[in-house]
Amino acid sequence: MSKLWWQTKGEGKVDLVLLHGWGLNAEVWHYIVEELGSQFRLHLVDLPGYGRSQGFGALTLEEMAELVLAQAPQQAIWLGWSLGGLVASRVALGHPERVRGLITVASSPCFTAHGEWPGIKPDVLAGFQRQLSEDFQRTVERFLALQTLGTETARQDARQLKAVVLEQPMPEVDVLNGGLEILKIVDLREEMDKLTVPLLRLYGYLDGLVPRKIAGLLDERYPQSDSAIFPKAAHAPFISHPAEFCEQIYQFAKLVDE
């Protein structure tokens, strides 16, 4: 039977579940684990089919969320980056009693551009899906390069992300295709209108995958939530600006506890 890779570490009393993005694994949090572990009990997970969580095929967002929830603590703050933000949001919408607070990082309730809604153009995602079957490694590397584009430390950040991918087992092509399909078709905007748990949204000003314009649109749409934009960050602010990133998490956790 397939089982998720799951690691718990840290000295804090508050549980914090960390969910990575498409193509990657829990090692993306390497540079902030020690810092966050001083304040939280961290739950590091490789999403089904990614990294060390092998033996899963392509899954829907709902299936992915339920698999992660099954191993999660009874109550936790959930933090999801990019695709992981959708998974964490799905958990918070379906099981609010299990979620003390929700933090989405460089994520969107709808990743695909629609009319006035900014996002990734559908043909770009379709292109990635097509290229996966032709040149698997190069396609993933291109996607990683996009995530750090424009930052002062872009080359170094991209190297760090690439090292994370290469250290662990690579996801199967059908798993990666399934993840792109989620990014292409899922739209949680209306459901998130009814979200009942505290929400913090974090963005990179230079992010080419989740445009900063989304932050302002969701500020209006979800006035009960908080947001912050890291001025010199792109799609991975926890790698380019770890200290500022952790400070946002600490402040949110204090608010949740009040």
C-alpha atoms as a PDB file:
ATOM      1  CA  MET A   1       0.000   0.000   0.000  1.00  0.00           C
ATOM      2  CA  SER A   2       1.299   3.459  -0.903  1.00  0.00           C
ATOM      3  CA  LYS A   3       2.175   5.671   2.045  1.00  0.00           C
ATOM      4  CA  LEU A   4       3.076   9.322   2.348  1.00  0.00           C
ATOM      5  CA  TRP A   5       6.561  10.282   3.475  1.00  0.00           C
ATOM      6  CA  TRP A   6       6.023  12.329   6.612  1.00  0.00           C
ATOM      7  CA  GLN A   7       8.478  13.807   9.096  1.00  0.00           C
ATOM      8  CA  THR A   8       7.714  15.619  12.351  1.00  0.00           C
ATOM      9  CA  LYS A   9      10.340  17.836  13.986  1.00  0.00           C
ATOM     10  CA  GLY A  10      10.651  21.015  16.045  1.00  0.00           C
ATOM     11  CA  GLU A  11      10.293  22.165  19.637  1.00  0.00           C
ATOM     12  CA  GLY A  12       7.109  24.244  19.500  1.00  0.00           C
ATOM     13  CA  LYS A  13       3.670  23.292  20.788  1.00  0.00           C
ATOM     14  CA  VAL A  14       1.698  24.531  17.773  1.00  0.00           C
ATOM     15  CA  ASP A  15       1.505  22.125  14.829  1.00  0.00           C
ATOM     16  CA  LEU A  16       2.428  23.550  11.409  1.00  0.00           C
ATOM     17  CA  VAL A  17       1.889  21.433   8.282  1.00  0.00           C
ATOM     18  CA  LEU A  18       4.074  22.465   5.312  1.00  0.00           C
ATOM     19  CA  LEU A  19       2.985  21.526   1.765  1.00  0.00           C
ATOM     20  CA  HIS A  20       5.368  22.033  -1.175  1.00  0.00           C
ATOM     21  CA  GLY A  21       4.608  22.905  -4.803  1.00  0.00           C
ATOM     22  CA  TRP A  22       4.491  21.121  -8.164  1.00  0.00           C
ATOM     23  CA  GLY A  23       7.443  18.907  -9.099  1.00  0.00           C
ATOM     24  CA  LEU A  24       9.211  19.292  -5.760  1.00  0.00           C
ATOM     25  CA  ASN A  25       9.223  17.767  -2.263  1.00  0.00           C
ATOM     26  CA  ALA A  26       9.506  18.724   1.407  1.00  0.00           C
ATOM     27  CA  GLU A  27      13.233  19.524   1.075  1.00  0.00           C
ATOM     28  CA  VAL A  28      12.239  22.951  -0.306  1.00  0.00           C
ATOM     29  CA  TRP A  29      11.752  24.020   3.336  1.00  0.00           C
ATOM     30  CA  HIS A  30      15.351  23.105   4.233  1.00  0.00           C
ATOM     31  CA  TYR A  31      16.486  26.704   4.759  1.00  0.00           C
ATOM     32  CA  ILE A  32      13.692  27.656   7.179  1.00  0.00           C
ATOM     33  CA  VAL A  33      13.114  24.369   9.038  1.00  0.00           C
ATOM     34  CA  GLU A  34      15.592  25.127  11.829  1.00  0.00           C
ATOM     35  CA  GLU A  35      14.179  28.622  12.373  1.00  0.00           C
ATOM     36  CA  LEU A  36      10.498  27.607  12.291  1.00  0.00           C
ATOM     37  CA  GLY A  37      11.243  24.485  14.342  1.00  0.00           C
ATOM     38  CA  SER A  38      12.148  26.690  17.319  1.00  0.00           C
ATOM     39  CA  GLN A  39       8.547  27.918  17.444  1.00  0.00           C
ATOM     40  CA  PHE A  40       6.443  25.115  15.911  1.00  0.00           C
ATOM     41  CA  ARG A  41       6.090  21.353  15.713  1.00  0.00           C
ATOM     42  CA  LEU A  42       6.673  20.999  11.977  1.00  0.00           C
ATOM     43  CA  HIS A  43       5.033  18.371   9.794  1.00  0.00           C
ATOM     44  CA  LEU A  44       7.009  17.958   6.568  1.00  0.00           C
ATOM     45  CA  VAL A  45       5.270  15.905   3.907  1.00  0.00           C
ATOM     46  CA  ASP A  46       6.023  14.877   0.345  1.00  0.00           C
ATOM     47  CA  LEU A  47       2.701  15.175  -1.495  1.00  0.00           C
ATOM     48  CA  PRO A  48       1.405  11.885  -2.960  1.00  0.00           C
ATOM     49  CA  GLY A  49       3.529  10.852  -5.957  1.00  0.00           C
ATOM     50  CA  TYR A  50       6.259  13.425  -5.203  1.00  0.00           C
ATOM     51  CA  GLY A  51       9.688  12.879  -3.659  1.00  0.00           C
ATOM     52  CA  ARG A  52       9.644   9.952  -1.244  1.00  0.00           C
ATOM     53  CA  SER A  53       5.839   9.468  -1.399  1.00  0.00           C
ATOM     54  CA  GLN A  54       6.041   7.013  -4.287  1.00  0.00           C
ATOM     55  CA  GLY A  55       3.423   4.583  -5.604  1.00  0.00           C
ATOM     56  CA  PHE A  56       0.647   7.093  -6.294  1.00  0.00           C
ATOM     57  CA  GLY A  57      -0.692   7.921  -9.744  1.00  0.00           C
ATOM     58  CA  ALA A  58      -2.274  11.155 -10.928  1.00  0.00           C
ATOM     59  CA  LEU A  59      -4.762  12.399  -8.314  1.00  0.00           C
ATOM     60  CA  THR A  60      -7.491  15.009  -8.108  1.00  0.00           C
ATOM     61  CA  LEU A  61      -7.094  17.903  -5.669  1.00  0.00           C
ATOM     62  CA  GLU A  62      -9.714  16.319  -3.382  1.00  0.00           C
ATOM     63  CA  GLU A  63      -7.893  12.967  -3.325  1.00  0.00           C
ATOM     64  CA  MET A  64      -4.590  14.644  -2.551  1.00  0.00           C
ATOM     65  CA  ALA A  65      -6.094  16.705   0.274  1.00  0.00           C
ATOM     66  CA  GLU A  66      -7.773  13.679   1.895  1.00  0.00           C
ATOM     67  CA  LEU A  67      -4.563  11.616   1.790  1.00  0.00           C
ATOM     68  CA  VAL A  68      -2.587  14.367   3.518  1.00  0.00           C
ATOM     69  CA  LEU A  69      -5.341  15.064   6.059  1.00  0.00           C
ATOM     70  CA  ALA A  70      -5.451  11.373   7.045  1.00  0.00           C
ATOM     71  CA  GLN A  71      -1.898  11.626   8.476  1.00  0.00           C
ATOM     72  CA  ALA A  72      -2.125  15.178   9.810  1.00  0.00           C
ATOM     73  CA  PRO A  73      -2.448  16.228  13.478  1.00  0.00           C
ATOM     74  CA  GLN A  74      -5.959  16.867  14.773  1.00  0.00           C
ATOM     75  CA  GLN A  75      -5.438  20.633  14.704  1.00  0.00           C
ATOM     76  CA  ALA A  76      -2.739  22.590  12.915  1.00  0.00           C
ATOM     77  CA  ILE A  77      -1.866  25.711  11.001  1.00  0.00           C
ATOM     78  CA  TRP A  78      -1.591  24.669   7.352  1.00  0.00           C
ATOM     79  CA  LEU A  79       0.925  26.375   5.065  1.00  0.00           C
ATOM     80  CA  GLY A  80       0.855  25.575   1.347  1.00  0.00           C
ATOM     81  CA  TRP A  81       3.162  26.902  -1.357  1.00  0.00           C
ATOM     82  CA  SER A  82       1.887  27.167  -4.948  1.00  0.00           C
ATOM     83  CA  LEU A  83       0.112  23.846  -5.729  1.00  0.00           C
ATOM     84  CA  GLY A  84       0.419  23.064  -1.999  1.00  0.00           C
ATOM     85  CA  GLY A  85      -1.646  26.195  -1.346  1.00  0.00           C
ATOM     86  CA  LEU A  86      -4.534  24.641  -3.264  1.00  0.00           C
ATOM     87  CA  VAL A  87      -4.191  21.407  -1.275  1.00  0.00           C
ATOM     88  CA  ALA A  88      -4.128  23.290   2.049  1.00  0.00           C
ATOM     89  CA  SER A  89      -7.111  25.426   0.959  1.00  0.00           C
ATOM     90  CA  ARG A  90      -9.062  22.294   0.008  1.00  0.00           C
ATOM     91  CA  VAL A  91      -8.401  20.871   3.502  1.00  0.00           C
ATOM     92  CA  ALA A  92      -9.476  24.128   5.183  1.00  0.00           C
ATOM     93  CA  LEU A  93     -12.697  24.286   3.145  1.00  0.00           C
ATOM     94  CA  GLY A  94     -13.648  20.663   3.731  1.00  0.00           C
ATOM     95  CA  HIS A  95     -12.449  20.266   7.335  1.00  0.00           C
ATOM     96  CA  PRO A  96     -12.275  23.691   9.038  1.00  0.00           C
ATOM     97  CA  GLU A  97     -12.361  22.036  12.476  1.00  0.00           C
ATOM     98  CA  ARG A  98      -8.884  20.615  11.741  1.00  0.00           C
ATOM     99  CA  VAL A  99      -7.353  23.941  10.641  1.00  0.00           C
ATOM    100  CA  ARG A 100      -6.328  26.639  13.146  1.00  0.00           C
ATOM    101  CA  GLY A 101      -5.219  28.908  10.346  1.00  0.00           C
ATOM    102  CA  LEU A 102      -4.386  28.778   6.623  1.00  0.00           C
ATOM    103  CA  ILE A 103      -1.319  30.335   4.997  1.00  0.00           C
ATOM    104  CA  THR A 104      -0.992  30.303   1.216  1.00  0.00           C
ATOM    105  CA  VAL A 105       2.370  31.221  -0.326  1.00  0.00           C
ATOM    106  CA  ALA A 106       2.719  32.323  -3.972  1.00  0.00           C
ATOM    107  CA  SER A 107      -0.581  30.580  -4.553  1.00  0.00           C
ATOM    108  CA  SER A 108      -3.978  31.401  -6.035  1.00  0.00           C
ATOM    109  CA  PRO A 109      -7.470  29.923  -5.753  1.00  0.00           C
ATOM    110  CA  CYS A 110      -7.363  29.897  -9.561  1.00  0.00           C
ATOM    111  CA  PHE A 111      -3.971  29.601 -11.298  1.00  0.00           C
ATOM    112  CA  THR A 112      -5.254  29.875 -14.878  1.00  0.00           C
ATOM    113  CA  ALA A 113      -5.945  33.252 -16.484  1.00  0.00           C
ATOM    114  CA  HIS A 114      -9.644  33.801 -17.283  1.00  0.00           C
ATOM    115  CA  GLY A 115     -10.837  37.037 -18.891  1.00  0.00           C
ATOM    116  CA  GLU A 116      -9.910  39.771 -16.385  1.00  0.00           C
ATOM    117  CA  TRP A 117      -8.480  37.279 -13.898  1.00  0.00           C
ATOM    118  CA  PRO A 118      -4.646  37.256 -14.009  1.00  0.00           C
ATOM    119  CA  GLY A 119      -2.773  33.960 -14.011  1.00  0.00           C
ATOM    120  CA  ILE A 120      -0.918  31.467 -16.169  1.00  0.00           C
ATOM    121  CA  LYS A 121      -2.176  31.378 -19.744  1.00  0.00           C
ATOM    122  CA  PRO A 122      -3.847  27.999 -20.494  1.00  0.00           C
ATOM    123  CA  ASP A 123      -1.590  27.407 -23.523  1.00  0.00           C
ATOM    124  CA  VAL A 124       1.507  27.747 -21.290  1.00  0.00           C
ATOM    125  CA  LEU A 125       0.258  24.979 -18.981  1.00  0.00           C
ATOM    126  CA  ALA A 126      -0.744  22.873 -21.991  1.00  0.00           C
ATOM    127  CA  GLY A 127       2.757  23.401 -23.394  1.00  0.00           C
ATOM    128  CA  PHE A 128       4.342  22.160 -20.168  1.00  0.00           C
ATOM    129  CA  GLN A 129       2.101  19.073 -20.263  1.00  0.00           C
ATOM    130  CA  ARG A 130       3.102  18.367 -23.866  1.00  0.00           C
ATOM    131  CA  GLN A 131       6.809  18.906 -23.202  1.00  0.00           C
ATOM    132  CA  LEU A 132       6.809  16.621 -20.142  1.00  0.00           C
ATOM    133  CA  SER A 133       6.466  13.545 -22.315  1.00  0.00           C
ATOM    134  CA  GLU A 134       9.169  14.787 -24.716  1.00  0.00           C
ATOM    135  CA  ASP A 135      11.878  16.020 -22.323  1.00  0.00           C
ATOM    136  CA  PHE A 136      10.900  15.378 -18.737  1.00  0.00           C
ATOM    137  CA  GLN A 137      14.024  16.722 -16.981  1.00  0.00           C
ATOM    138  CA  ARG A 138      14.352  19.880 -19.071  1.00  0.00           C
ATOM    139  CA  THR A 139      10.670  20.784 -18.627  1.00  0.00           C
ATOM    140  CA  VAL A 140      10.908  20.567 -14.826  1.00  0.00           C
ATOM    141  CA  GLU A 141      14.137  22.620 -14.890  1.00  0.00           C
ATOM    142  CA  ARG A 142      12.456  25.312 -17.034  1.00  0.00           C
ATOM    143  CA  PHE A 143       9.589  25.489 -14.566  1.00  0.00           C
ATOM    144  CA  LEU A 144      12.040  25.870 -11.666  1.00  0.00           C
ATOM    145  CA  ALA A 145      13.888  28.682 -13.466  1.00  0.00           C
ATOM    146  CA  LEU A 146      10.564  30.539 -13.900  1.00  0.00           C
ATOM    147  CA  GLN A 147      10.009  30.454 -10.149  1.00  0.00           C
ATOM    148  CA  THR A 148      13.045  32.604  -9.307  1.00  0.00           C
ATOM    149  CA  LEU A 149      13.168  34.855 -12.387  1.00  0.00           C
ATOM    150  CA  GLY A 150      13.860  38.519 -11.632  1.00  0.00           C
ATOM    151  CA  THR A 151      15.183  38.211  -8.078  1.00  0.00           C
ATOM    152  CA  GLU A 152      18.627  39.455  -7.061  1.00  0.00           C
ATOM    153  CA  THR A 153      19.583  35.895  -6.109  1.00  0.00           C
ATOM    154  CA  ALA A 154      17.771  34.182  -9.018  1.00  0.00           C
ATOM    155  CA  ARG A 155      20.619  31.919 -10.112  1.00  0.00           C
ATOM    156  CA  GLN A 156      21.424  30.780  -6.572  1.00  0.00           C
ATOM    157  CA  ASP A 157      17.709  30.271  -5.720  1.00  0.00           C
ATOM    158  CA  ALA A 158      17.157  28.226  -8.896  1.00  0.00           C
ATOM    159  CA  ARG A 159      20.185  26.070  -8.017  1.00  0.00           C
ATOM    160  CA  GLN A 160      18.741  25.410  -4.568  1.00  0.00           C
ATOM    161  CA  LEU A 161      15.376  24.376  -6.011  1.00  0.00           C
ATOM    162  CA  LYS A 162      17.044  22.165  -8.604  1.00  0.00           C
ATOM    163  CA  ALA A 163      19.159  20.466  -5.919  1.00  0.00           C
ATOM    164  CA  VAL A 164      15.962  19.656  -4.009  1.00  0.00           C
ATOM    165  CA  VAL A 165      14.509  17.922  -7.068  1.00  0.00           C
ATOM    166  CA  LEU A 166      17.637  15.917  -7.832  1.00  0.00           C
ATOM    167  CA  GLU A 167      18.229  14.733  -4.239  1.00  0.00           C
ATOM    168  CA  GLN A 168      14.956  12.798  -4.057  1.00  0.00           C
ATOM    169  CA  PRO A 169      13.139  10.410  -6.419  1.00  0.00           C
ATOM    170  CA  MET A 170      11.608  12.230  -9.380  1.00  0.00           C
ATOM    171  CA  PRO A 171       7.823  12.126  -9.729  1.00  0.00           C
ATOM    172  CA  GLU A 172       6.385  10.019 -12.549  1.00  0.00           C
ATOM    173  CA  VAL A 173       5.237  11.881 -15.665  1.00  0.00           C
ATOM    174  CA  ASP A 174       1.560  11.035 -14.985  1.00  0.00           C
ATOM    175  CA  VAL A 175       1.856  12.518 -11.456  1.00  0.00           C
ATOM    176  CA  LEU A 176       3.353  15.734 -12.853  1.00  0.00           C
ATOM    177  CA  ASN A 177       0.677  15.860 -15.554  1.00  0.00           C
ATOM    178  CA  GLY A 178      -1.981  15.374 -12.877  1.00  0.00           C
ATOM    179  CA  GLY A 179      -0.537  18.296 -10.908  1.00  0.00           C
ATOM    180  CA  LEU A 180      -0.568  20.543 -13.983  1.00  0.00           C
ATOM    181  CA  GLU A 181      -4.160  19.485 -14.635  1.00  0.00           C
ATOM    182  CA  ILE A 182      -5.098  20.665 -11.121  1.00  0.00           C
ATOM    183  CA  LEU A 183      -3.396  24.019 -11.787  1.00  0.00           C
ATOM    184  CA  LYS A 184      -5.233  24.228 -15.113  1.00  0.00           C
ATOM    185  CA  ILE A 185      -8.806  23.408 -14.059  1.00  0.00           C
ATOM    186  CA  VAL A 186      -9.283  24.086 -10.318  1.00  0.00           C
ATOM    187  CA  ASP A 187     -11.067  27.300  -9.359  1.00  0.00           C
ATOM    188  CA  LEU A 188     -11.732  27.763  -5.625  1.00  0.00           C
ATOM    189  CA  ARG A 189     -12.574  31.484  -5.770  1.00  0.00           C
ATOM    190  CA  GLU A 190     -16.265  31.116  -4.927  1.00  0.00           C
ATOM    191  CA  GLU A 191     -15.745  28.405  -2.319  1.00  0.00           C
ATOM    192  CA  MET A 192     -13.088  30.533  -0.597  1.00  0.00           C
ATOM    193  CA  ASP A 193     -15.746  33.252  -0.140  1.00  0.00           C
ATOM    194  CA  LYS A 194     -17.146  30.984   2.588  1.00  0.00           C
ATOM    195  CA  LEU A 195     -13.833  30.165   4.288  1.00  0.00           C
ATOM    196  CA  THR A 196     -14.256  30.272   8.080  1.00  0.00           C
ATOM    197  CA  VAL A 197     -10.630  29.923   9.267  1.00  0.00           C
ATOM    198  CA  PRO A 198      -8.047  32.746   9.591  1.00  0.00           C
ATOM    199  CA  LEU A 199      -6.216  33.258   6.288  1.00  0.00           C
ATOM    200  CA  LEU A 200      -2.830  34.810   5.464  1.00  0.00           C
ATOM    201  CA  ARG A 201      -1.771  35.171   1.814  1.00  0.00           C
ATOM    202  CA  LEU A 202       1.903  35.757   0.957  1.00  0.00           C
ATOM    203  CA  TYR A 203       3.173  36.844  -2.457  1.00  0.00           C
ATOM    204  CA  GLY A 204       6.356  37.759  -4.317  1.00  0.00           C
ATOM    205  CA  TYR A 205       6.241  41.093  -6.163  1.00  0.00           C
ATOM    206  CA  LEU A 206       8.267  39.618  -9.052  1.00  0.00           C
ATOM    207  CA  ASP A 207       6.323  36.335  -9.288  1.00  0.00           C
ATOM    208  CA  GLY A 208       5.753  35.373 -12.926  1.00  0.00           C
ATOM    209  CA  LEU A 209       3.381  32.498 -12.085  1.00  0.00           C
ATOM    210  CA  VAL A 210       1.056  34.173  -9.555  1.00  0.00           C
ATOM    211  CA  PRO A 211       0.900  37.854 -10.603  1.00  0.00           C
ATOM    212  CA  ARG A 212       0.938  40.375  -7.734  1.00  0.00           C
ATOM    213  CA  LYS A 213      -2.331  41.826  -9.088  1.00  0.00           C
ATOM    214  CA  ILE A 214      -4.047  38.765  -7.570  1.00  0.00           C
ATOM    215  CA  ALA A 215      -3.136  40.009  -4.070  1.00  0.00           C
ATOM    216  CA  GLY A 216      -5.154  43.210  -4.543  1.00  0.00           C
ATOM    217  CA  LEU A 217      -8.111  41.413  -6.118  1.00  0.00           C
ATOM    218  CA  LEU A 218      -8.278  38.979  -3.204  1.00  0.00           C
ATOM    219  CA  ASP A 219      -7.806  41.764  -0.626  1.00  0.00           C
ATOM    220  CA  GLU A 220     -11.137  43.107  -1.909  1.00  0.00           C
ATOM    221  CA  ARG A 221     -12.779  39.734  -2.256  1.00  0.00           C
ATOM    222  CA  TYR A 222     -11.633  38.310   1.103  1.00  0.00           C
ATOM    223  CA  PRO A 223     -11.496  41.378   3.399  1.00  0.00           C
ATOM    224  CA  GLN A 224     -11.336  39.104   6.465  1.00  0.00           C
ATOM    225  CA  SER A 225      -7.925  37.790   5.321  1.00  0.00           C
ATOM    226  CA  ASP A 226      -4.473  39.366   5.579  1.00  0.00           C
ATOM    227  CA  SER A 227      -1.857  39.567   2.846  1.00  0.00           C
ATOM    228  CA  ALA A 228       1.760  40.622   2.390  1.00  0.00           C
ATOM    229  CA  ILE A 229       3.915  41.077  -0.692  1.00  0.00           C
ATOM    230  CA  PHE A 230       7.689  40.575  -0.519  1.00  0.00           C
ATOM    231  CA  PRO A 231       9.021  43.428  -2.733  1.00  0.00           C
ATOM    232  CA  LYS A 232      12.111  41.663  -4.129  1.00  0.00           C
ATOM    233  CA  ALA A 233      10.855  38.065  -4.130  1.00  0.00           C
ATOM    234  CA  ALA A 234       9.473  35.915  -6.948  1.00  0.00           C
ATOM    235  CA  HIS A 235       7.658  32.570  -6.607  1.00  0.00           C
ATOM    236  CA  ALA A 236       9.758  31.233  -3.689  1.00  0.00           C
ATOM    237  CA  PRO A 237       9.991  33.986  -1.014  1.00  0.00           C
ATOM    238  CA  PHE A 238      10.945  31.481   1.703  1.00  0.00           C
ATOM    239  CA  ILE A 239      14.182  30.794  -0.226  1.00  0.00           C
ATOM    240  CA  SER A 240      15.051  34.353  -1.287  1.00  0.00           C
ATOM    241  CA  HIS A 241      13.882  36.086   1.933  1.00  0.00           C
ATOM    242  CA  PRO A 242      13.811  33.462   4.724  1.00  0.00           C
ATOM    243  CA  ALA A 243      13.976  35.834   7.730  1.00  0.00           C
ATOM    244  CA  GLU A 244      11.161  38.097   6.515  1.00  0.00           C
ATOM    245  CA  PHE A 245       9.128  35.043   5.546  1.00  0.00           C
ATOM    246  CA  CYS A 246       9.418  33.411   8.983  1.00  0.00           C
ATOM    247  CA  GLU A 247       8.490  36.696  10.677  1.00  0.00           C
ATOM    248  CA  GLN A 248       5.184  36.718   8.759  1.00  0.00           C
ATOM    249  CA  ILE A 249       4.457  33.181   9.983  1.00  0.00           C
ATOM    250  CA  TYR A 250       5.199  34.112  13.608  1.00  0.00           C
ATOM    251  CA  GLN A 251       2.946  37.176  13.491  1.00  0.00           C
ATOM    252  CA  PHE A 252       0.088  35.170  11.976  1.00  0.00           C
ATOM    253  CA  ALA A 253       0.436  32.405  14.598  1.00  0.00           C
ATOM    254  CA  LYS A 254       0.180  35.032  17.368  1.00  0.00           C
ATOM    255  CA  LEU A 255      -3.032  36.411  15.823  1.00  0.00           C
ATOM    256  CA  VAL A 256      -4.513  32.918  15.539  1.00  0.00           C
ATOM    257  CA  ASP A 257      -3.796  32.269  19.239  1.00  0.00           C
ATOM    258  CA  GLU A 258      -5.403  35.518  20.461  1.00  0.00           C
END
